[in-house]
C-alpha atoms as a PDB file:
ATOM      1  CA  MET A   1       5.680 -10.257  -2.101  1.00  0.00           C
ATOM      2  CA  ASP A   2       6.327  -7.045  -4.177  1.00  0.00           C
ATOM      3  CA  PHE A   3       4.229  -4.323  -4.110  1.00  0.00           C
ATOM      4  CA  GLN A   4       3.006  -4.770  -7.678  1.00  0.00           C
ATOM      5  CA  ARG A   5       1.580  -8.103  -6.662  1.00  0.00           C
ATOM      6  CA  LEU A   6       0.201  -6.804  -3.593  1.00  0.00           C
ATOM      7  CA  LEU A   7      -1.696  -4.152  -5.217  1.00  0.00           C
ATOM      8  CA  ILE A   8      -3.195  -6.522  -8.165  1.00  0.00           C
ATOM      9  CA  GLU A   9      -4.642  -8.596  -5.367  1.00  0.00           C
ATOM     10  CA  TRP A  10      -5.501  -5.861  -2.943  1.00  0.00           C
ATOM     11  CA  PRO A  11      -8.861  -7.372  -1.295  1.00  0.00           C
ATOM     12  CA  ALA A  12     -11.936  -5.726  -1.089  1.00  0.00           C
ATOM     13  CA  ALA A  13     -12.164  -5.954   2.693  1.00  0.00           C
ATOM     14  CA  ILE A  14      -9.319  -3.101   2.745  1.00  0.00           C
ATOM     15  CA  PRO A  15     -10.098   0.723   1.944  1.00  0.00           C
ATOM     16  CA  LYS A  16      -7.699   1.483  -1.238  1.00  0.00           C
ATOM     17  CA  SER A  17      -6.362   4.668   0.718  1.00  0.00           C
ATOM     18  CA  GLY A  18      -3.338   5.657   2.433  1.00  0.00           C
ATOM     19  CA  THR A  19      -0.088   6.845   1.813  1.00  0.00           C
ATOM     20  CA  ALA A  20       2.613   5.326  -0.567  1.00  0.00           C
ATOM     21  CA  LEU A  21       6.142   5.937   0.246  1.00  0.00           C
ATOM     22  CA  THR A  22       8.476   6.038  -2.990  1.00  0.00           C
ATOM     23  CA  SER A  23      12.169   5.541  -3.481  1.00  0.00           C
ATOM     24  CA  PHE A  24      12.379   9.258  -4.586  1.00  0.00           C
ATOM     25  CA  GLY A  25      11.386  10.091  -0.989  1.00  0.00           C
ATOM     26  CA  ASP A  26       7.826  11.281  -1.896  1.00  0.00           C
ATOM     27  CA  ALA A  27       4.810  10.322   0.204  1.00  0.00           C
ATOM     28  CA  ILE A  28       1.822  10.135  -2.076  1.00  0.00           C
ATOM     29  CA  PRO A  29      -1.344  10.167   0.057  1.00  0.00           C
ATOM     30  CA  PHE A  30      -4.369   8.289  -2.179  1.00  0.00           C
ATOM     31  CA  SER A  31      -7.820   7.631  -1.927  1.00  0.00           C
ATOM     32  CA  ASP A  32      -8.157   5.088  -4.883  1.00  0.00           C
ATOM     33  CA  PHE A  33      -5.545   3.725  -7.154  1.00  0.00           C
ATOM     34  CA  ALA A  34      -5.460   1.741 -10.506  1.00  0.00           C
ATOM     35  CA  LEU A  35      -2.985  -0.357 -12.351  1.00  0.00           C
ATOM     36  CA  ASN A  36      -1.666  -0.316 -16.094  1.00  0.00           C
ATOM     37  CA  GLY A  37       0.899  -3.356 -15.997  1.00  0.00           C
ATOM     38  CA  GLU A  38       3.764  -2.367 -13.732  1.00  0.00           C
ATOM     39  CA  LEU A  39       2.563   1.272 -13.231  1.00  0.00           C
ATOM     40  CA  VAL A  40       0.334   2.467 -10.576  1.00  0.00           C
ATOM     41  CA  LEU A  41      -2.171   5.528 -10.728  1.00  0.00           C
ATOM     42  CA  PHE A  42      -2.522   7.011  -7.364  1.00  0.00           C
ATOM     43  CA  CYS A  43      -5.704   9.118  -7.067  1.00  0.00           C
ATOM     44  CA  ARG A  44      -5.449  12.021  -4.260  1.00  0.00           C
ATOM     45  CA  SER A  45      -8.648  13.661  -2.817  1.00  0.00           C
ATOM     46  CA  THR A  46      -7.056  17.021  -2.357  1.00  0.00           C
ATOM     47  CA  PRO A  47      -4.031  18.425  -4.589  1.00  0.00           C
ATOM     48  CA  ASP A  48      -0.480  18.940  -3.173  1.00  0.00           C
ATOM     49  CA  ALA A  49       1.421  21.875  -3.219  1.00  0.00           C
ATOM     50  CA  GLN A  50       1.970  22.027  -6.651  1.00  0.00           C
ATOM     51  CA  GLY A  51      -1.930  21.199  -7.472  1.00  0.00           C
ATOM     52  CA  THR A  52      -1.351  17.523  -8.282  1.00  0.00           C
ATOM     53  CA  LEU A  53      -4.403  15.151  -8.175  1.00  0.00           C
ATOM     54  CA  ARG A  54      -3.122  12.056  -9.792  1.00  0.00           C
ATOM     55  CA  GLU A  55       0.414  10.497  -9.701  1.00  0.00           C
ATOM     56  CA  ILE A  56       1.740   7.607 -11.870  1.00  0.00           C
ATOM     57  CA  VAL A  57       4.688   5.890 -10.362  1.00  0.00           C
ATOM     58  CA  HIS A  58       6.306   2.361 -11.289  1.00  0.00           C
ATOM     59  CA  ALA A  59       5.465  -0.240  -8.776  1.00  0.00           C
ATOM     60  CA  ARG A  60       9.043  -0.860  -8.198  1.00  0.00           C
ATOM     61  CA  ASP A  61       9.746   2.376  -6.790  1.00  0.00           C
ATOM     62  CA  ILE A  62       7.049   1.958  -4.086  1.00  0.00           C
ATOM     63  CA  ASN A  63       8.820   1.437  -0.772  1.00  0.00           C
ATOM     64  CA  ALA A  64       6.196   1.163   1.677  1.00  0.00           C
ATOM     65  CA  ILE A  65       2.176   1.697   1.995  1.00  0.00           C
ATOM     66  CA  LYS A  66       0.586   3.422   5.094  1.00  0.00           C
ATOM     67  CA  PHE A  67      -2.686   3.103   6.206  1.00  0.00           C
ATOM     68  CA  HIS A  68      -4.856   5.998   7.843  1.00  0.00           C
ATOM     69  CA  GLU A  69      -7.506   3.600   9.166  1.00  0.00           C
ATOM     70  CA  ALA A  70      -7.575   1.258  12.164  1.00  0.00           C
ATOM     71  CA  ILE A  71      -7.754  -1.998  10.158  1.00  0.00           C
ATOM     72  CA  PRO A  72      -8.258  -5.210  11.869  1.00  0.00           C
ATOM     73  CA  MET A  73      -5.032  -7.406  11.359  1.00  0.00           C
ATOM     74  CA  ALA A  74      -7.226 -10.299  10.196  1.00  0.00           C
ATOM     75  CA  ARG A  75      -7.891  -8.343   7.121  1.00  0.00           C
ATOM     76  CA  PHE A  76      -4.476  -8.433   6.337  1.00  0.00           C
ATOM     77  CA  LEU A  77      -4.314 -12.016   6.180  1.00  0.00           C
ATOM     78  CA  SER A  78      -6.076 -12.320   2.840  1.00  0.00           C
ATOM     79  CA  MET A  79      -3.216 -10.188   1.474  1.00  0.00           C
ATOM     80  CA  GLY A  80      -0.741 -13.196   2.201  1.00  0.00           C
ATOM     81  CA  PHE A  81       0.517 -11.968   5.621  1.00  0.00           C
ATOM     82  CA  GLN A  82       0.672 -14.607   8.445  1.00  0.00           C
ATOM     83  CA  LYS A  83       1.197 -14.455  11.853  1.00  0.00           C
ATOM     84  CA  PRO A  84       3.915 -16.441  13.236  1.00  0.00           C
ATOM     85  CA  GLU A  85       3.548 -19.224  15.363  1.00  0.00           C
ATOM     86  CA  GLU A  86       3.754 -18.776  19.242  1.00  0.00           C
ATOM     87  CA  SER A  87       7.219 -20.957  19.046  1.00  0.00           C
ATOM     88  CA  ILE A  88       8.949 -19.075  16.410  1.00  0.00           C
ATOM     89  CA  ALA A  89       8.131 -15.667  17.888  1.00  0.00           C
ATOM     90  CA  SER A  90       8.958 -16.754  21.416  1.00  0.00           C
ATOM     91  CA  SER A  91      12.470 -17.643  20.103  1.00  0.00           C
ATOM     92  CA  PHE A  92      13.026 -13.794  19.053  1.00  0.00           C
ATOM     93  CA  SER A  93      12.536 -12.752  22.231  1.00  0.00           C
END
């Protein structure tokens, strides 16, 4: 799954906040986001050092999303994540 699809299918059970890490080396803390095709508008609750409150990036430039809240793992299953079976997990140890 790519980040564009993950953002499009973002479940209501997970807050739309965190920090997006980009291929430019930027860390964008966000309190909400909106989509327009392959573009993502991140909304900050406080401005950055340049006074920026909104930032638009291409979805392909998102490398990671960090979550600031302790979200139960079960909620991520609705995003398509799966827990490995015990037998598969034990083969990696």
